């Protein structure tokens, strides 16, 4: 499968048979270029402008923006309830963690998660191969919190998201702050990572920073 990053928390997940899922599309005010992309499914972790601009996605996608279990286009999707802050949503509202299973790989996009996971949430999420993880703080997990959630879920591959780049004016931290805590990572000169079940049999964990487009 392919994982393509458009910036912020927006990814395109594409299976071997061509099923396309877009996560958390943003509007033009975020700073990144709005992607011209077609999809079968769009997931929205919460209704904030930098995560819910579904109009940007072309085609006639199924929109998923609620917790639950979904099976569509040959992909299993599970939405798990969580919060955008550490005060059970009192500051910034609810958030949905999405778990996708495609090509035998389980990918978890935690949206704008603002707290450590409860045992119940860990059980609902289950085993994870690839974790799409906010690391920039202020509105989401900071570097320290991101490391803690990573250790709760124990993925084989971590792709940081929602961090400061030259395109973004938000008061959030750069990815380097997270990388300092995990001992570094790989910077790809591409916005796309191709991954197979075989790749997940490697020893250790990969931290992969994609180059936004």
N, C-alpha and C. Protein backbone atom coordinates (compact mmCIF):
# COMPACT_ATOMS: atom_id res chain seq x y z
N UNK A 1 0.84 -1.19 0.00
CA UNK A 1 0.00 0.00 0.00
C UNK A 1 0.88 1.25 0.00
N UNK A 2 0.24 2.39 -0.34
CA UNK A 2 0.96 3.66 -0.36
C UNK A 2 0.33 4.62 0.65
N UNK A 3 1.20 5.36 1.35
CA UNK A 3 0.77 6.40 2.28
C UNK A 3 1.37 7.70 1.79
N UNK A 4 0.52 8.63 1.38
CA UNK A 4 0.99 9.90 0.83
C UNK A 4 0.55 11.04 1.74
N UNK A 5 1.48 11.93 2.09
CA UNK A 5 1.19 13.03 3.01
C UNK A 5 1.05 14.34 2.25
N UNK A 6 -0.06 15.04 2.48
CA UNK A 6 -0.28 16.34 1.85
C UNK A 6 0.04 17.49 2.80
N UNK A 7 0.43 17.17 4.02
CA UNK A 7 0.68 18.19 5.03
C UNK A 7 -0.36 18.12 6.13
N UNK A 8 0.01 18.64 7.32
CA UNK A 8 -0.87 18.68 8.48
C UNK A 8 -1.30 17.26 8.86
N UNK A 9 -2.60 16.96 8.87
CA UNK A 9 -3.06 15.61 9.22
C UNK A 9 -3.72 14.92 8.03
N UNK A 10 -3.45 15.44 6.83
CA UNK A 10 -4.10 14.93 5.62
C UNK A 10 -3.20 13.94 4.88
N UNK A 11 -3.71 12.73 4.75
CA UNK A 11 -3.00 11.66 4.05
C UNK A 11 -3.91 11.03 3.00
N UNK A 12 -3.30 10.43 2.00
CA UNK A 12 -3.98 9.55 1.07
C UNK A 12 -3.46 8.14 1.31
N UNK A 13 -4.36 7.24 1.68
CA UNK A 13 -4.02 5.83 1.85
C UNK A 13 -4.55 5.10 0.62
N UNK A 14 -3.68 4.41 -0.08
CA UNK A 14 -4.10 3.73 -1.31
C UNK A 14 -3.71 2.26 -1.27
N UNK A 15 -4.71 1.39 -1.44
CA UNK A 15 -4.46 -0.05 -1.39
C UNK A 15 -3.93 -0.56 -2.72
N UNK A 16 -3.52 -1.81 -2.73
CA UNK A 16 -2.98 -2.42 -3.95
C UNK A 16 -4.01 -2.49 -5.06
N UNK A 17 -5.29 -2.60 -4.70
CA UNK A 17 -6.33 -2.68 -5.73
C UNK A 17 -6.86 -1.30 -6.11
N UNK A 18 -6.29 -0.24 -5.51
CA UNK A 18 -6.64 1.11 -5.91
C UNK A 18 -7.67 1.82 -5.07
N UNK A 19 -8.11 1.22 -3.97
CA UNK A 19 -9.02 1.92 -3.06
C UNK A 19 -8.28 3.09 -2.42
N UNK A 20 -8.94 4.27 -2.43
CA UNK A 20 -8.28 5.48 -1.93
C UNK A 20 -9.07 6.08 -0.76
N UNK A 21 -8.34 6.35 0.33
CA UNK A 21 -8.93 6.98 1.51
C UNK A 21 -8.16 8.25 1.81
N UNK A 22 -8.86 9.35 2.01
CA UNK A 22 -8.24 10.62 2.41
C UNK A 22 -8.63 10.91 3.86
N UNK A 23 -7.65 11.29 4.66
CA UNK A 23 -7.91 11.63 6.06
C UNK A 23 -7.81 13.14 6.27
N UNK A 24 -8.70 13.68 7.05
CA UNK A 24 -8.64 15.06 7.56
C UNK A 24 -8.19 16.11 6.53
N UNK A 25 -8.96 16.29 5.44
CA UNK A 25 -8.59 17.32 4.46
C UNK A 25 -8.73 18.73 5.05
N UNK A 26 -7.80 19.61 4.69
CA UNK A 26 -7.77 20.98 5.24
C UNK A 26 -8.21 21.99 4.19
N UNK A 27 -8.54 23.21 4.66
CA UNK A 27 -8.88 24.27 3.73
C UNK A 27 -7.64 25.12 3.44
N UNK A 28 -7.81 26.15 2.61
CA UNK A 28 -6.67 26.93 2.15
C UNK A 28 -6.00 27.80 3.18
N UNK A 29 -6.64 28.01 4.32
CA UNK A 29 -6.07 28.91 5.32
C UNK A 29 -4.96 28.27 6.15
N UNK A 30 -4.79 26.96 6.05
CA UNK A 30 -3.77 26.27 6.85
C UNK A 30 -2.37 26.63 6.38
N UNK A 31 -2.20 26.81 5.08
CA UNK A 31 -0.89 27.16 4.54
C UNK A 31 -0.38 26.18 3.51
N UNK A 32 -0.82 24.94 3.60
CA UNK A 32 -0.45 23.94 2.61
C UNK A 32 -1.32 24.08 1.37
N UNK A 33 -0.81 23.61 0.25
CA UNK A 33 -1.58 23.61 -0.99
C UNK A 33 -2.70 22.59 -0.88
N UNK A 34 -3.93 22.99 -1.21
CA UNK A 34 -5.05 22.05 -1.16
C UNK A 34 -4.82 20.97 -2.21
N UNK A 35 -4.79 19.71 -1.80
CA UNK A 35 -4.50 18.64 -2.77
C UNK A 35 -5.64 18.43 -3.75
N UNK A 36 -5.27 18.14 -4.99
CA UNK A 36 -6.25 17.75 -5.99
C UNK A 36 -6.25 16.23 -6.02
N UNK A 37 -7.18 15.66 -5.30
CA UNK A 37 -7.16 14.21 -5.13
C UNK A 37 -8.58 13.66 -5.16
N UNK A 38 -8.71 12.48 -5.73
CA UNK A 38 -10.00 11.78 -5.76
C UNK A 38 -9.93 10.63 -4.77
N UNK A 39 -11.05 10.34 -4.12
CA UNK A 39 -11.04 9.26 -3.12
C UNK A 39 -12.36 8.52 -3.10
N UNK A 40 -12.31 7.31 -2.54
CA UNK A 40 -13.51 6.52 -2.31
C UNK A 40 -14.11 6.81 -0.95
N UNK A 41 -13.24 7.16 0.01
CA UNK A 41 -13.65 7.42 1.39
C UNK A 41 -12.88 8.61 1.92
N UNK A 42 -13.56 9.45 2.71
CA UNK A 42 -12.91 10.54 3.44
C UNK A 42 -13.26 10.39 4.91
N UNK A 43 -12.25 10.41 5.78
CA UNK A 43 -12.52 10.38 7.21
C UNK A 43 -12.19 11.74 7.81
N UNK A 44 -13.01 12.14 8.79
CA UNK A 44 -12.85 13.43 9.46
C UNK A 44 -12.79 13.17 10.96
N UNK A 45 -11.67 13.49 11.57
CA UNK A 45 -11.50 13.20 13.00
C UNK A 45 -12.28 14.17 13.88
N UNK A 46 -12.48 15.40 13.40
CA UNK A 46 -13.25 16.40 14.16
C UNK A 46 -13.56 17.57 13.24
N UNK A 47 -14.56 18.34 13.63
CA UNK A 47 -15.06 19.40 12.75
C UNK A 47 -14.36 20.73 12.97
N UNK A 48 -13.07 20.78 12.72
CA UNK A 48 -12.32 22.03 12.68
C UNK A 48 -11.84 22.25 11.25
N UNK A 49 -11.70 23.53 10.87
CA UNK A 49 -11.44 23.89 9.47
C UNK A 49 -10.20 23.23 8.88
N UNK A 50 -9.23 22.92 9.74
CA UNK A 50 -7.99 22.33 9.23
C UNK A 50 -8.04 20.81 9.15
N UNK A 51 -9.26 20.25 9.32
CA UNK A 51 -9.40 18.79 9.28
C UNK A 51 -10.68 18.33 8.57
N UNK A 52 -11.59 19.24 8.22
CA UNK A 52 -12.90 18.81 7.74
C UNK A 52 -13.32 19.37 6.38
N UNK A 53 -12.36 19.83 5.58
CA UNK A 53 -12.71 20.43 4.30
C UNK A 53 -12.91 19.34 3.24
N UNK A 54 -14.01 18.61 3.40
CA UNK A 54 -14.27 17.46 2.52
C UNK A 54 -14.53 17.90 1.08
N UNK A 55 -14.90 19.17 0.89
CA UNK A 55 -15.16 19.68 -0.46
C UNK A 55 -13.91 19.64 -1.33
N UNK A 56 -12.75 19.55 -0.70
CA UNK A 56 -11.50 19.51 -1.46
C UNK A 56 -11.30 18.19 -2.18
N UNK A 57 -12.00 17.16 -1.74
CA UNK A 57 -11.79 15.81 -2.28
C UNK A 57 -12.74 15.56 -3.45
N UNK A 58 -12.20 15.15 -4.56
CA UNK A 58 -12.98 14.94 -5.77
C UNK A 58 -13.58 13.54 -5.81
N UNK A 59 -14.51 13.36 -6.75
CA UNK A 59 -15.22 12.09 -6.84
C UNK A 59 -16.49 12.15 -6.02
N UNK A 60 -16.99 11.02 -5.63
CA UNK A 60 -18.20 10.94 -4.80
C UNK A 60 -17.90 10.06 -3.58
N UNK A 61 -16.99 10.54 -2.71
CA UNK A 61 -16.53 9.68 -1.61
C UNK A 61 -17.57 9.51 -0.51
N UNK A 62 -17.49 8.38 0.17
CA UNK A 62 -18.23 8.17 1.41
C UNK A 62 -17.53 8.97 2.50
N UNK A 63 -18.29 9.78 3.24
CA UNK A 63 -17.73 10.61 4.31
C UNK A 63 -17.99 9.91 5.64
N UNK A 64 -16.93 9.68 6.40
CA UNK A 64 -17.06 9.05 7.72
C UNK A 64 -16.56 10.03 8.77
N UNK A 65 -17.46 10.43 9.67
CA UNK A 65 -17.08 11.41 10.70
C UNK A 65 -17.73 11.08 12.04
N UNK A 66 -17.93 9.79 12.28
CA UNK A 66 -18.52 9.34 13.55
C UNK A 66 -17.85 8.03 13.97
N UNK A 67 -17.81 7.76 15.26
CA UNK A 67 -17.27 6.48 15.72
C UNK A 67 -18.11 5.32 15.20
N UNK A 68 -17.52 4.15 15.12
CA UNK A 68 -18.25 2.97 14.66
C UNK A 68 -17.38 2.09 13.81
N UNK A 69 -17.97 1.02 13.30
CA UNK A 69 -17.25 0.07 12.44
C UNK A 69 -17.84 0.15 11.04
N UNK A 70 -16.98 0.29 10.05
CA UNK A 70 -17.41 0.45 8.66
C UNK A 70 -16.63 -0.51 7.77
N UNK A 71 -17.31 -1.06 6.80
CA UNK A 71 -16.66 -1.89 5.79
C UNK A 71 -17.10 -1.37 4.43
N UNK A 72 -16.16 -0.79 3.71
CA UNK A 72 -16.50 -0.19 2.43
C UNK A 72 -15.32 -0.30 1.48
N UNK A 73 -15.61 -0.57 0.22
CA UNK A 73 -14.58 -0.64 -0.83
C UNK A 73 -13.46 -1.61 -0.47
N UNK A 74 -13.81 -2.68 0.24
CA UNK A 74 -12.82 -3.69 0.58
C UNK A 74 -11.90 -3.32 1.73
N UNK A 75 -12.24 -2.25 2.44
CA UNK A 75 -11.42 -1.78 3.56
C UNK A 75 -12.24 -1.78 4.84
N UNK A 76 -11.62 -2.24 5.92
CA UNK A 76 -12.26 -2.18 7.24
C UNK A 76 -11.81 -0.90 7.93
N UNK A 77 -12.77 -0.14 8.47
CA UNK A 77 -12.47 1.12 9.15
C UNK A 77 -13.18 1.13 10.49
N UNK A 78 -12.46 1.51 11.52
CA UNK A 78 -13.05 1.61 12.85
C UNK A 78 -12.77 2.99 13.41
N UNK A 79 -13.82 3.66 13.91
CA UNK A 79 -13.67 4.96 14.55
C UNK A 79 -13.82 4.82 16.05
N UNK A 80 -12.84 5.29 16.80
CA UNK A 80 -12.82 5.18 18.26
C UNK A 80 -12.93 6.57 18.88
N UNK A 81 -13.86 6.74 19.80
CA UNK A 81 -14.06 8.04 20.45
C UNK A 81 -12.88 8.44 21.32
N UNK A 82 -12.53 9.72 21.26
CA UNK A 82 -11.47 10.27 22.10
C UNK A 82 -11.72 11.77 22.21
N UNK A 83 -10.71 12.51 22.68
CA UNK A 83 -10.88 13.96 22.87
C UNK A 83 -9.71 14.73 22.27
N UNK A 84 -10.01 16.00 21.96
CA UNK A 84 -9.05 16.92 21.36
C UNK A 84 -8.18 17.58 22.43
N UNK A 85 -8.43 17.28 23.68
CA UNK A 85 -7.70 17.89 24.78
C UNK A 85 -7.62 16.91 25.94
N UNK A 86 -7.00 17.36 27.04
CA UNK A 86 -6.85 16.50 28.21
C UNK A 86 -7.97 16.71 29.22
N UNK A 87 -9.00 17.48 28.83
CA UNK A 87 -10.12 17.79 29.73
C UNK A 87 -11.42 17.17 29.23
N UNK A 88 -11.33 16.00 28.63
CA UNK A 88 -12.50 15.27 28.11
C UNK A 88 -13.34 16.12 27.16
N UNK A 89 -12.66 16.91 26.35
CA UNK A 89 -13.33 17.70 25.33
C UNK A 89 -13.81 19.06 25.77
N UNK A 90 -13.62 19.42 27.02
CA UNK A 90 -14.12 20.70 27.54
C UNK A 90 -13.46 21.89 26.84
N UNK A 91 -12.23 21.73 26.39
CA UNK A 91 -11.50 22.83 25.75
C UNK A 91 -11.68 22.86 24.24
N UNK A 92 -11.54 21.70 23.59
CA UNK A 92 -11.56 21.68 22.13
C UNK A 92 -12.48 20.64 21.51
N UNK A 93 -13.25 19.95 22.34
CA UNK A 93 -14.26 19.05 21.80
C UNK A 93 -13.79 17.62 21.58
N UNK A 94 -14.64 16.83 20.92
CA UNK A 94 -14.33 15.41 20.68
C UNK A 94 -13.36 15.21 19.52
N UNK A 95 -12.84 14.01 19.44
CA UNK A 95 -11.92 13.62 18.38
C UNK A 95 -12.15 12.14 18.10
N UNK A 96 -11.97 11.74 16.86
CA UNK A 96 -12.12 10.33 16.50
C UNK A 96 -10.79 9.78 16.02
N UNK A 97 -10.40 8.67 16.61
CA UNK A 97 -9.23 7.91 16.16
C UNK A 97 -9.72 6.90 15.14
N UNK A 98 -9.11 6.88 13.97
CA UNK A 98 -9.51 5.92 12.94
C UNK A 98 -8.45 4.84 12.75
N UNK A 99 -8.93 3.60 12.67
CA UNK A 99 -8.07 2.45 12.39
C UNK A 99 -8.51 1.86 11.05
N UNK A 100 -7.57 1.76 10.12
CA UNK A 100 -7.84 1.23 8.78
C UNK A 100 -7.11 -0.09 8.62
N UNK A 101 -7.77 -1.06 8.01
CA UNK A 101 -7.10 -2.31 7.68
C UNK A 101 -7.17 -2.51 6.17
N UNK A 102 -6.02 -2.46 5.52
CA UNK A 102 -5.96 -2.64 4.08
C UNK A 102 -4.66 -3.35 3.71
N UNK A 103 -4.74 -4.26 2.77
CA UNK A 103 -3.58 -5.04 2.33
C UNK A 103 -2.91 -5.76 3.50
N UNK A 104 -3.70 -6.15 4.50
CA UNK A 104 -3.15 -6.86 5.64
C UNK A 104 -2.39 -5.99 6.62
N UNK A 105 -2.47 -4.67 6.44
CA UNK A 105 -1.75 -3.72 7.29
C UNK A 105 -2.76 -2.88 8.07
N UNK A 106 -2.50 -2.69 9.36
CA UNK A 106 -3.37 -1.88 10.21
C UNK A 106 -2.73 -0.51 10.46
N UNK A 107 -3.43 0.52 9.99
CA UNK A 107 -2.94 1.90 10.10
C UNK A 107 -3.85 2.66 11.06
N UNK A 108 -3.25 3.41 11.96
CA UNK A 108 -4.03 4.20 12.92
C UNK A 108 -3.72 5.68 12.74
N UNK A 109 -4.76 6.46 12.48
CA UNK A 109 -4.67 7.92 12.38
C UNK A 109 -5.39 8.47 13.61
N UNK A 110 -4.65 9.07 14.53
CA UNK A 110 -5.27 9.47 15.80
C UNK A 110 -5.90 10.85 15.76
N UNK A 111 -5.91 11.50 14.58
CA UNK A 111 -6.53 12.82 14.49
C UNK A 111 -5.79 13.82 15.37
N UNK A 112 -6.55 14.72 15.98
CA UNK A 112 -5.96 15.71 16.89
C UNK A 112 -6.08 15.24 18.33
N UNK A 113 -5.59 14.06 18.58
CA UNK A 113 -5.64 13.50 19.93
C UNK A 113 -4.91 14.43 20.91
N UNK A 114 -5.56 14.68 22.06
CA UNK A 114 -4.98 15.60 23.03
C UNK A 114 -4.66 14.99 24.37
N UNK A 115 -4.64 13.66 24.47
CA UNK A 115 -4.43 13.01 25.76
C UNK A 115 -3.86 11.62 25.56
N UNK A 116 -3.37 11.03 26.63
CA UNK A 116 -2.94 9.64 26.57
C UNK A 116 -4.16 8.74 26.46
N UNK A 117 -3.98 7.56 25.94
CA UNK A 117 -5.09 6.63 25.74
C UNK A 117 -5.47 5.93 27.04
N UNK A 118 -6.76 5.69 27.18
CA UNK A 118 -7.22 4.85 28.29
C UNK A 118 -7.02 3.39 27.90
N UNK A 119 -7.11 2.51 28.87
CA UNK A 119 -7.00 1.08 28.57
C UNK A 119 -8.09 0.64 27.60
N UNK A 120 -9.29 1.18 27.80
CA UNK A 120 -10.40 0.83 26.91
C UNK A 120 -10.10 1.27 25.48
N UNK A 121 -9.57 2.47 25.31
CA UNK A 121 -9.23 2.95 23.97
C UNK A 121 -8.13 2.09 23.34
N UNK A 122 -7.14 1.72 24.14
CA UNK A 122 -6.09 0.84 23.63
C UNK A 122 -6.68 -0.47 23.10
N UNK A 123 -7.61 -1.02 23.86
CA UNK A 123 -8.24 -2.28 23.46
C UNK A 123 -9.09 -2.10 22.21
N UNK A 124 -9.80 -0.97 22.12
CA UNK A 124 -10.62 -0.69 20.94
C UNK A 124 -9.76 -0.54 19.69
N UNK A 125 -8.61 0.08 19.84
CA UNK A 125 -7.71 0.30 18.71
C UNK A 125 -7.04 -1.01 18.29
N UNK A 126 -6.56 -1.77 19.25
CA UNK A 126 -5.93 -3.05 18.96
C UNK A 126 -4.51 -2.93 18.43
N UNK A 127 -4.04 -4.00 17.81
CA UNK A 127 -2.67 -4.03 17.28
C UNK A 127 -2.54 -3.07 16.10
N UNK A 128 -1.46 -2.30 16.10
CA UNK A 128 -1.23 -1.31 15.06
C UNK A 128 0.12 -1.55 14.39
N UNK A 129 0.13 -1.45 13.06
CA UNK A 129 1.38 -1.56 12.32
C UNK A 129 1.97 -0.19 12.01
N UNK A 130 1.12 0.73 11.56
CA UNK A 130 1.57 2.07 11.17
C UNK A 130 0.76 3.10 11.95
N UNK A 131 1.46 4.04 12.60
CA UNK A 131 0.81 5.06 13.42
C UNK A 131 1.06 6.44 12.82
N UNK A 132 -0.02 7.15 12.50
CA UNK A 132 0.04 8.53 12.01
C UNK A 132 -0.23 9.42 13.22
N UNK A 133 0.80 10.13 13.69
CA UNK A 133 0.83 10.66 15.05
C UNK A 133 1.12 12.16 15.10
N UNK A 134 0.22 12.98 15.69
CA UNK A 134 0.52 14.40 15.86
C UNK A 134 1.61 14.59 16.91
N UNK A 135 2.53 15.51 16.64
CA UNK A 135 3.66 15.70 17.55
C UNK A 135 3.92 17.17 17.90
N UNK A 136 3.14 18.09 17.33
CA UNK A 136 3.45 19.51 17.43
C UNK A 136 3.00 20.23 18.68
N UNK A 137 2.14 19.60 19.48
CA UNK A 137 1.69 20.25 20.70
C UNK A 137 0.73 21.41 20.46
N UNK A 138 0.47 22.19 21.50
CA UNK A 138 -0.46 23.33 21.55
C UNK A 138 -1.91 22.88 21.39
N UNK A 139 -2.25 22.29 20.25
CA UNK A 139 -3.62 21.84 20.00
C UNK A 139 -3.76 20.32 20.11
N UNK A 140 -2.64 19.63 20.14
CA UNK A 140 -2.63 18.16 20.15
C UNK A 140 -1.56 17.68 21.13
N UNK A 141 -1.24 16.41 21.03
CA UNK A 141 -0.12 15.86 21.78
C UNK A 141 1.16 16.62 21.46
N UNK A 142 1.96 16.90 22.49
CA UNK A 142 3.29 17.45 22.24
C UNK A 142 4.26 16.28 22.08
N UNK A 143 5.54 16.59 21.97
CA UNK A 143 6.54 15.54 21.72
C UNK A 143 6.51 14.47 22.81
N UNK A 144 6.45 14.90 24.05
CA UNK A 144 6.44 13.95 25.17
C UNK A 144 5.19 13.08 25.15
N UNK A 145 4.03 13.71 24.93
CA UNK A 145 2.78 12.96 24.86
C UNK A 145 2.75 12.01 23.69
N UNK A 146 3.31 12.44 22.56
CA UNK A 146 3.35 11.59 21.37
C UNK A 146 4.18 10.34 21.62
N UNK A 147 5.30 10.50 22.31
CA UNK A 147 6.13 9.34 22.64
C UNK A 147 5.35 8.38 23.53
N UNK A 148 4.61 8.93 24.49
CA UNK A 148 3.84 8.08 25.41
C UNK A 148 2.77 7.28 24.67
N UNK A 149 2.06 7.92 23.74
CA UNK A 149 1.03 7.22 22.96
C UNK A 149 1.68 6.18 22.04
N UNK A 150 2.80 6.53 21.47
CA UNK A 150 3.54 5.57 20.64
C UNK A 150 3.88 4.31 21.44
N UNK A 151 4.30 4.49 22.68
CA UNK A 151 4.65 3.34 23.52
C UNK A 151 3.41 2.58 23.99
N UNK A 152 2.26 3.23 24.01
CA UNK A 152 1.03 2.51 24.32
C UNK A 152 0.63 1.59 23.17
N UNK A 153 0.80 2.05 21.93
CA UNK A 153 0.32 1.30 20.77
C UNK A 153 1.38 0.42 20.11
N UNK A 154 2.65 0.72 20.34
CA UNK A 154 3.77 -0.11 19.86
C UNK A 154 3.72 -0.42 18.36
N UNK A 155 3.61 0.60 17.51
CA UNK A 155 3.60 0.36 16.07
C UNK A 155 4.99 0.01 15.55
N UNK A 156 5.04 -0.58 14.35
CA UNK A 156 6.32 -0.85 13.69
C UNK A 156 6.82 0.38 12.93
N UNK A 157 5.88 1.20 12.47
CA UNK A 157 6.24 2.41 11.71
C UNK A 157 5.45 3.58 12.29
N UNK A 158 6.15 4.71 12.50
CA UNK A 158 5.50 5.93 12.97
C UNK A 158 5.75 7.03 11.94
N UNK A 159 4.68 7.70 11.52
CA UNK A 159 4.79 8.84 10.61
C UNK A 159 4.27 10.07 11.36
N UNK A 160 5.15 10.99 11.75
CA UNK A 160 4.70 12.20 12.46
C UNK A 160 3.85 13.09 11.55
N UNK A 161 2.94 13.83 12.17
CA UNK A 161 2.10 14.78 11.45
C UNK A 161 1.78 15.95 12.38
N UNK A 162 1.09 16.97 11.83
CA UNK A 162 0.61 18.10 12.63
C UNK A 162 1.76 18.77 13.39
N UNK A 163 2.80 19.14 12.65
CA UNK A 163 3.93 19.84 13.25
C UNK A 163 4.28 21.06 12.39
N UNK A 164 5.12 21.92 12.94
CA UNK A 164 5.49 23.17 12.29
C UNK A 164 6.35 22.91 11.05
N UNK A 165 5.98 23.56 9.95
CA UNK A 165 6.80 23.56 8.73
C UNK A 165 6.80 24.99 8.19
N UNK A 166 7.63 25.29 7.20
CA UNK A 166 7.62 26.64 6.62
C UNK A 166 6.27 27.06 6.05
N UNK A 167 5.41 26.10 5.74
CA UNK A 167 4.10 26.41 5.16
C UNK A 167 3.07 26.83 6.19
N UNK A 168 3.33 26.56 7.47
CA UNK A 168 2.31 26.71 8.51
C UNK A 168 2.68 27.81 9.50
N UNK A 169 1.71 28.67 9.82
CA UNK A 169 1.96 29.74 10.79
C UNK A 169 1.44 29.41 12.18
N UNK A 170 0.83 28.25 12.36
CA UNK A 170 0.30 27.86 13.66
C UNK A 170 1.42 27.78 14.71
N UNK A 171 1.10 28.10 15.97
CA UNK A 171 2.10 28.04 17.04
C UNK A 171 2.31 26.61 17.54
N UNK A 172 2.89 25.78 16.69
CA UNK A 172 3.16 24.39 17.05
C UNK A 172 4.64 24.10 16.86
N UNK A 173 5.11 23.02 17.46
CA UNK A 173 6.54 22.70 17.44
C UNK A 173 6.94 21.98 16.15
N UNK A 174 8.20 22.12 15.74
CA UNK A 174 8.70 21.36 14.60
C UNK A 174 8.89 19.90 14.96
N UNK A 175 9.02 19.06 13.96
CA UNK A 175 9.14 17.62 14.17
C UNK A 175 10.41 17.25 14.92
N UNK A 176 11.44 18.10 14.82
CA UNK A 176 12.73 17.79 15.46
C UNK A 176 12.60 17.60 16.97
N UNK A 177 11.66 18.29 17.58
CA UNK A 177 11.48 18.16 19.03
C UNK A 177 11.06 16.73 19.39
N UNK A 178 10.20 16.14 18.58
CA UNK A 178 9.80 14.75 18.77
C UNK A 178 10.96 13.80 18.46
N UNK A 179 11.67 14.08 17.38
CA UNK A 179 12.77 13.20 16.98
C UNK A 179 13.87 13.15 18.03
N UNK A 180 14.09 14.27 18.73
CA UNK A 180 15.09 14.28 19.80
C UNK A 180 14.76 13.26 20.88
N UNK A 181 13.47 13.09 21.13
CA UNK A 181 13.03 12.18 22.20
C UNK A 181 13.05 10.72 21.79
N UNK A 182 13.04 10.47 20.49
CA UNK A 182 13.01 9.07 20.02
C UNK A 182 14.33 8.64 19.38
N UNK A 183 15.32 9.52 19.44
CA UNK A 183 16.64 9.16 18.91
C UNK A 183 16.79 9.31 17.42
N UNK A 184 15.97 10.20 16.81
CA UNK A 184 16.10 10.47 15.38
C UNK A 184 15.09 9.72 14.53
N UNK A 185 15.20 9.93 13.22
CA UNK A 185 14.28 9.29 12.29
C UNK A 185 14.78 9.45 10.87
N UNK A 186 14.01 8.93 9.92
CA UNK A 186 14.36 9.01 8.50
C UNK A 186 13.59 10.15 7.85
N UNK A 187 14.29 11.04 7.16
CA UNK A 187 13.62 12.08 6.37
C UNK A 187 13.59 11.62 4.92
N UNK A 188 12.41 11.35 4.39
CA UNK A 188 12.30 10.95 2.99
C UNK A 188 12.22 12.18 2.09
N UNK A 189 12.84 12.10 0.93
CA UNK A 189 12.73 13.17 -0.06
C UNK A 189 11.51 12.93 -0.94
N UNK A 190 10.44 12.53 -0.31
CA UNK A 190 9.20 12.19 -1.01
C UNK A 190 8.05 12.36 -0.04
N UNK A 191 6.86 12.58 -0.56
CA UNK A 191 5.69 12.64 0.32
C UNK A 191 4.97 11.30 0.41
N UNK A 192 5.58 10.25 -0.16
CA UNK A 192 4.92 8.95 -0.22
C UNK A 192 5.82 7.84 0.33
N UNK A 193 5.21 6.99 1.16
CA UNK A 193 5.87 5.79 1.66
C UNK A 193 5.10 4.58 1.15
N UNK A 194 5.80 3.67 0.48
CA UNK A 194 5.19 2.41 0.07
C UNK A 194 5.57 1.35 1.09
N UNK A 195 4.59 0.57 1.51
CA UNK A 195 4.84 -0.40 2.57
C UNK A 195 4.05 -1.68 2.31
N UNK A 196 4.65 -2.81 2.66
CA UNK A 196 4.00 -4.11 2.50
C UNK A 196 4.06 -4.86 3.83
N UNK A 197 3.31 -5.95 3.90
CA UNK A 197 3.35 -6.78 5.11
C UNK A 197 4.77 -7.28 5.38
N UNK A 198 5.49 -7.58 4.33
CA UNK A 198 6.86 -8.07 4.48
C UNK A 198 7.75 -7.04 5.16
N UNK A 199 7.54 -5.76 4.84
CA UNK A 199 8.34 -4.70 5.44
C UNK A 199 8.17 -4.65 6.96
N UNK A 200 7.01 -5.07 7.44
CA UNK A 200 6.70 -4.98 8.86
C UNK A 200 7.38 -6.08 9.68
N UNK A 201 8.02 -7.01 9.00
CA UNK A 201 8.70 -8.10 9.71
C UNK A 201 10.11 -7.72 10.15
N UNK A 202 10.53 -6.51 9.80
CA UNK A 202 11.86 -6.04 10.18
C UNK A 202 11.97 -5.89 11.70
N UNK A 203 13.19 -5.90 12.18
CA UNK A 203 13.43 -5.66 13.61
C UNK A 203 13.35 -4.16 13.89
N UNK A 204 12.91 -3.82 15.09
CA UNK A 204 12.89 -2.42 15.49
C UNK A 204 11.74 -1.63 14.91
N UNK A 205 11.78 -0.33 15.17
CA UNK A 205 10.71 0.57 14.74
C UNK A 205 11.27 1.66 13.85
N UNK A 206 10.54 1.99 12.79
CA UNK A 206 10.93 3.08 11.89
C UNK A 206 10.15 4.34 12.23
N UNK A 207 10.86 5.46 12.31
CA UNK A 207 10.22 6.77 12.40
C UNK A 207 10.48 7.44 11.06
N UNK A 208 9.43 7.68 10.29
CA UNK A 208 9.58 8.18 8.93
C UNK A 208 8.91 9.54 8.79
N UNK A 209 9.71 10.55 8.45
CA UNK A 209 9.19 11.90 8.23
C UNK A 209 9.04 12.11 6.72
N UNK A 210 7.81 12.30 6.29
CA UNK A 210 7.56 12.51 4.86
C UNK A 210 7.70 13.99 4.51
N UNK A 211 8.00 14.24 3.26
CA UNK A 211 8.14 15.61 2.75
C UNK A 211 6.80 16.02 2.16
N UNK A 212 6.18 17.04 2.75
CA UNK A 212 4.85 17.43 2.27
C UNK A 212 4.94 17.99 0.86
N UNK A 213 3.80 17.92 0.17
CA UNK A 213 3.74 18.44 -1.21
C UNK A 213 2.94 19.73 -1.21
